[in-house]
């Protein structure tokens, strides 16, 4: 959990939000959220 807060140099490779359909299979609710990272912010140094 902490790596998402403190390691912001690159994309988080194992991060997902289930769709409503997929979450319903497990008796949960989906998360209606998305992130947008402009191309100029996606350059790892």
PDB file of N, CA and C in Angstrom:
ATOM      1  N   UNK A   1       0.812  -1.190   0.000  1.00  0.00           N
ATOM      2  CA  UNK A   1       0.000   0.000   0.000  1.00  0.00           C
ATOM      3  C   UNK A   1       0.856   1.254   0.000  1.00  0.00           C
ATOM      4  N   UNK A   2       1.904   1.277   0.792  1.00  0.00           N
ATOM      5  CA  UNK A   2       2.710   2.483   0.887  1.00  0.00           C
ATOM      6  C   UNK A   2       3.477   2.774  -0.394  1.00  0.00           C
ATOM      7  N   UNK A   3       3.764   1.735  -1.170  1.00  0.00           N
ATOM      8  CA  UNK A   3       4.528   1.979  -2.389  1.00  0.00           C
ATOM      9  C   UNK A   3       3.777   2.895  -3.338  1.00  0.00           C
ATOM     10  N   UNK A   4       2.457   2.854  -3.338  1.00  0.00           N
ATOM     11  CA  UNK A   4       1.693   3.742  -4.215  1.00  0.00           C
ATOM     12  C   UNK A   4       1.852   5.195  -3.775  1.00  0.00           C
ATOM     13  N   UNK A   5       2.006   5.434  -2.485  1.00  0.00           N
ATOM     14  CA  UNK A   5       2.137   6.799  -1.997  1.00  0.00           C
ATOM     15  C   UNK A   5       3.547   7.351  -2.175  1.00  0.00           C
ATOM     16  N   UNK A   6       4.559   6.509  -2.064  1.00  0.00           N
ATOM     17  CA  UNK A   6       5.920   7.001  -2.023  1.00  0.00           C
ATOM     18  C   UNK A   6       6.729   6.745  -3.285  1.00  0.00           C
ATOM     19  N   UNK A   7       6.293   5.874  -4.162  1.00  0.00           N
ATOM     20  CA  UNK A   7       7.044   5.581  -5.380  1.00  0.00           C
ATOM     21  C   UNK A   7       6.263   6.114  -6.572  1.00  0.00           C
ATOM     22  N   UNK A   8       6.460   7.390  -6.874  1.00  0.00           N
ATOM     23  CA  UNK A   8       5.705   8.031  -7.944  1.00  0.00           C
ATOM     24  C   UNK A   8       6.524   8.241  -9.213  1.00  0.00           C
ATOM     25  N   UNK A   9       7.671   7.595  -9.328  1.00  0.00           N
ATOM     26  CA  UNK A   9       8.506   7.791 -10.510  1.00  0.00           C
ATOM     27  C   UNK A   9       8.002   7.033 -11.730  1.00  0.00           C
ATOM     28  N   UNK A  10       7.274   5.975 -11.538  1.00  0.00           N
ATOM     29  CA  UNK A  10       6.804   5.186 -12.673  1.00  0.00           C
ATOM     30  C   UNK A  10       5.392   4.705 -12.441  1.00  0.00           C
ATOM     31  N   UNK A  11       4.810   4.089 -13.456  1.00  0.00           N
ATOM     32  CA  UNK A  11       3.452   3.577 -13.301  1.00  0.00           C
ATOM     33  C   UNK A  11       3.412   2.400 -12.336  1.00  0.00           C
ATOM     34  N   UNK A  12       2.323   2.244 -11.652  1.00  0.00           N
ATOM     35  CA  UNK A  12       2.129   1.124 -10.741  1.00  0.00           C
ATOM     36  C   UNK A  12       1.710  -0.085 -11.571  1.00  0.00           C
ATOM     37  N   UNK A  13       2.539  -1.115 -11.674  1.00  0.00           N
ATOM     38  CA  UNK A  13       2.259  -2.200 -12.621  1.00  0.00           C
ATOM     39  C   UNK A  13       1.116  -3.123 -12.220  1.00  0.00           C
ATOM     40  N   UNK A  14       0.765  -3.178 -10.944  1.00  0.00           N
ATOM     41  CA  UNK A  14      -0.286  -4.120 -10.538  1.00  0.00           C
ATOM     42  C   UNK A  14      -1.369  -3.349  -9.790  1.00  0.00           C
ATOM     43  N   UNK A  15      -2.145  -2.610 -10.543  1.00  0.00           N
ATOM     44  CA  UNK A  15      -3.182  -1.788  -9.944  1.00  0.00           C
ATOM     45  C   UNK A  15      -4.399  -1.857 -10.851  1.00  0.00           C
ATOM     46  N   UNK A  16      -5.538  -2.236 -10.291  1.00  0.00           N
ATOM     47  CA  UNK A  16      -6.738  -2.351 -11.125  1.00  0.00           C
ATOM     48  C   UNK A  16      -7.969  -1.964 -10.328  1.00  0.00           C
ATOM     49  N   UNK A  17      -8.977  -1.574 -11.054  1.00  0.00           N
ATOM     50  CA  UNK A  17     -10.293  -1.343 -10.481  1.00  0.00           C
ATOM     51  C   UNK A  17     -11.241  -2.258 -11.221  1.00  0.00           C
ATOM     52  N   UNK A  18     -11.992  -3.039 -10.485  1.00  0.00           N
ATOM     53  CA  UNK A  18     -12.925  -3.957 -11.127  1.00  0.00           C
ATOM     54  C   UNK A  18     -14.099  -3.193 -11.722  1.00  0.00           C
ATOM     55  N   UNK A  19     -14.593  -3.714 -12.832  1.00  0.00           N
ATOM     56  CA  UNK A  19     -15.816  -3.156 -13.400  1.00  0.00           C
ATOM     57  C   UNK A  19     -16.991  -3.583 -12.529  1.00  0.00           C
ATOM     58  N   UNK A  20     -18.126  -2.975 -12.733  1.00  0.00           N
ATOM     59  CA  UNK A  20     -19.309  -3.334 -11.954  1.00  0.00           C
ATOM     60  C   UNK A  20     -19.708  -4.784 -12.207  1.00  0.00           C
ATOM     61  N   UNK A  21     -19.576  -5.232 -13.449  1.00  0.00           N
ATOM     62  CA  UNK A  21     -19.952  -6.609 -13.782  1.00  0.00           C
ATOM     63  C   UNK A  21     -19.035  -7.615 -13.090  1.00  0.00           C
ATOM     64  N   UNK A  22     -17.727  -7.362 -13.130  1.00  0.00           N
ATOM     65  CA  UNK A  22     -16.778  -8.280 -12.495  1.00  0.00           C
ATOM     66  C   UNK A  22     -16.930  -8.280 -10.974  1.00  0.00           C
ATOM     67  N   UNK A  23     -17.133  -7.119 -10.391  1.00  0.00           N
ATOM     68  CA  UNK A  23     -17.270  -7.042  -8.940  1.00  0.00           C
ATOM     69  C   UNK A  23     -18.550  -7.723  -8.464  1.00  0.00           C
ATOM     70  N   UNK A  24     -19.590  -7.656  -9.269  1.00  0.00           N
ATOM     71  CA  UNK A  24     -20.859  -8.280  -8.890  1.00  0.00           C
ATOM     72  C   UNK A  24     -20.710  -9.791  -8.744  1.00  0.00           C
ATOM     73  N   UNK A  25     -19.799 -10.402  -9.504  1.00  0.00           N
ATOM     74  CA  UNK A  25     -19.563 -11.848  -9.406  1.00  0.00           C
ATOM     75  C   UNK A  25     -19.062 -12.236  -8.014  1.00  0.00           C
ATOM     76  N   UNK A  26     -18.372 -11.325  -7.357  1.00  0.00           N
ATOM     77  CA  UNK A  26     -17.874 -11.592  -6.014  1.00  0.00           C
ATOM     78  C   UNK A  26     -18.724 -10.963  -4.928  1.00  0.00           C
ATOM     79  N   UNK A  27     -19.897 -10.453  -5.299  1.00  0.00           N
ATOM     80  CA  UNK A  27     -20.774  -9.846  -4.310  1.00  0.00           C
ATOM     81  C   UNK A  27     -20.325  -8.466  -3.861  1.00  0.00           C
ATOM     82  N   UNK A  28     -19.518  -7.800  -4.683  1.00  0.00           N
ATOM     83  CA  UNK A  28     -19.007  -6.476  -4.334  1.00  0.00           C
ATOM     84  C   UNK A  28     -19.518  -5.445  -5.336  1.00  0.00           C
ATOM     85  N   UNK A  29     -19.133  -4.190  -5.120  1.00  0.00           N
ATOM     86  CA  UNK A  29     -19.461  -3.126  -6.061  1.00  0.00           C
ATOM     87  C   UNK A  29     -18.199  -2.688  -6.781  1.00  0.00           C
ATOM     88  N   UNK A  30     -18.352  -2.290  -8.027  1.00  0.00           N
ATOM     89  CA  UNK A  30     -17.218  -1.787  -8.786  1.00  0.00           C
ATOM     90  C   UNK A  30     -16.831  -0.393  -8.336  1.00  0.00           C
ATOM     91  N   UNK A  31     -15.731   0.090  -8.858  1.00  0.00           N
ATOM     92  CA  UNK A  31     -15.266   1.419  -8.494  1.00  0.00           C
ATOM     93  C   UNK A  31     -15.300   2.299  -9.735  1.00  0.00           C
ATOM     94  N   UNK A  32     -16.213   3.260  -9.797  1.00  0.00           N
ATOM     95  CA  UNK A  32     -16.349   4.102 -10.989  1.00  0.00           C
ATOM     96  C   UNK A  32     -15.307   5.211 -11.003  1.00  0.00           C
ATOM     97  N   UNK A  33     -14.066   4.841 -11.207  1.00  0.00           N
ATOM     98  CA  UNK A  33     -12.985   5.800 -11.108  1.00  0.00           C
ATOM     99  C   UNK A  33     -11.952   5.481 -12.176  1.00  0.00           C
ATOM    100  N   UNK A  34     -11.315   6.505 -12.681  1.00  0.00           N
ATOM    101  CA  UNK A  34     -10.233   6.292 -13.638  1.00  0.00           C
ATOM    102  C   UNK A  34      -9.198   7.389 -13.432  1.00  0.00           C
ATOM    103  N   UNK A  35      -8.017   7.147 -13.943  1.00  0.00           N
ATOM    104  CA  UNK A  35      -6.934   8.105 -13.819  1.00  0.00           C
ATOM    105  C   UNK A  35      -6.456   8.469 -15.212  1.00  0.00           C
ATOM    106  N   UNK A  36      -6.057   9.705 -15.375  1.00  0.00           N
ATOM    107  CA  UNK A  36      -5.479  10.134 -16.649  1.00  0.00           C
ATOM    108  C   UNK A  36      -4.121  10.737 -16.365  1.00  0.00           C
ATOM    109  N   UNK A  37      -3.104  10.183 -16.996  1.00  0.00           N
ATOM    110  CA  UNK A  37      -1.765  10.714 -16.881  1.00  0.00           C
ATOM    111  C   UNK A  37      -1.341  11.187 -18.264  1.00  0.00           C
ATOM    112  N   UNK A  38      -1.178  12.488 -18.475  1.00  0.00           N
ATOM    113  CA  UNK A  38      -0.771  12.977 -19.789  1.00  0.00           C
ATOM    114  C   UNK A  38       0.575  12.387 -20.197  1.00  0.00           C
ATOM    115  N   UNK A  39       0.796  12.225 -21.499  1.00  0.00           N
ATOM    116  CA  UNK A  39       2.047  11.607 -21.975  1.00  0.00           C
ATOM    117  C   UNK A  39       3.302  12.287 -21.428  1.00  0.00           C
ATOM    118  N   UNK A  40       3.287  13.602 -21.264  1.00  0.00           N
ATOM    119  CA  UNK A  40       4.486  14.290 -20.784  1.00  0.00           C
ATOM    120  C   UNK A  40       4.804  13.948 -19.325  1.00  0.00           C
ATOM    121  N   UNK A  41       3.858  13.380 -18.599  1.00  0.00           N
ATOM    122  CA  UNK A  41       4.105  12.977 -17.214  1.00  0.00           C
ATOM    123  C   UNK A  41       4.469  11.507 -17.091  1.00  0.00           C
ATOM    124  N   UNK A  42       4.581  10.782 -18.179  1.00  0.00           N
ATOM    125  CA  UNK A  42       4.832   9.346 -18.132  1.00  0.00           C
ATOM    126  C   UNK A  42       6.259   8.979 -18.508  1.00  0.00           C
ATOM    127  N   UNK A  43       7.177   9.885 -18.341  1.00  0.00           N
ATOM    128  CA  UNK A  43       8.567   9.600 -18.683  1.00  0.00           C
ATOM    129  C   UNK A  43       9.332   9.251 -17.419  1.00  0.00           C
ATOM    130  N   UNK A  44       9.753   8.009 -17.307  1.00  0.00           N
ATOM    131  CA  UNK A  44      10.559   7.576 -16.163  1.00  0.00           C
ATOM    132  C   UNK A  44      11.984   8.046 -16.358  1.00  0.00           C
ATOM    133  N   UNK A  45      12.583   8.529 -15.307  1.00  0.00           N
ATOM    134  CA  UNK A  45      13.962   9.035 -15.406  1.00  0.00           C
ATOM    135  C   UNK A  45      14.929   8.072 -14.789  1.00  0.00           C
TER     136      UNK A  45
END
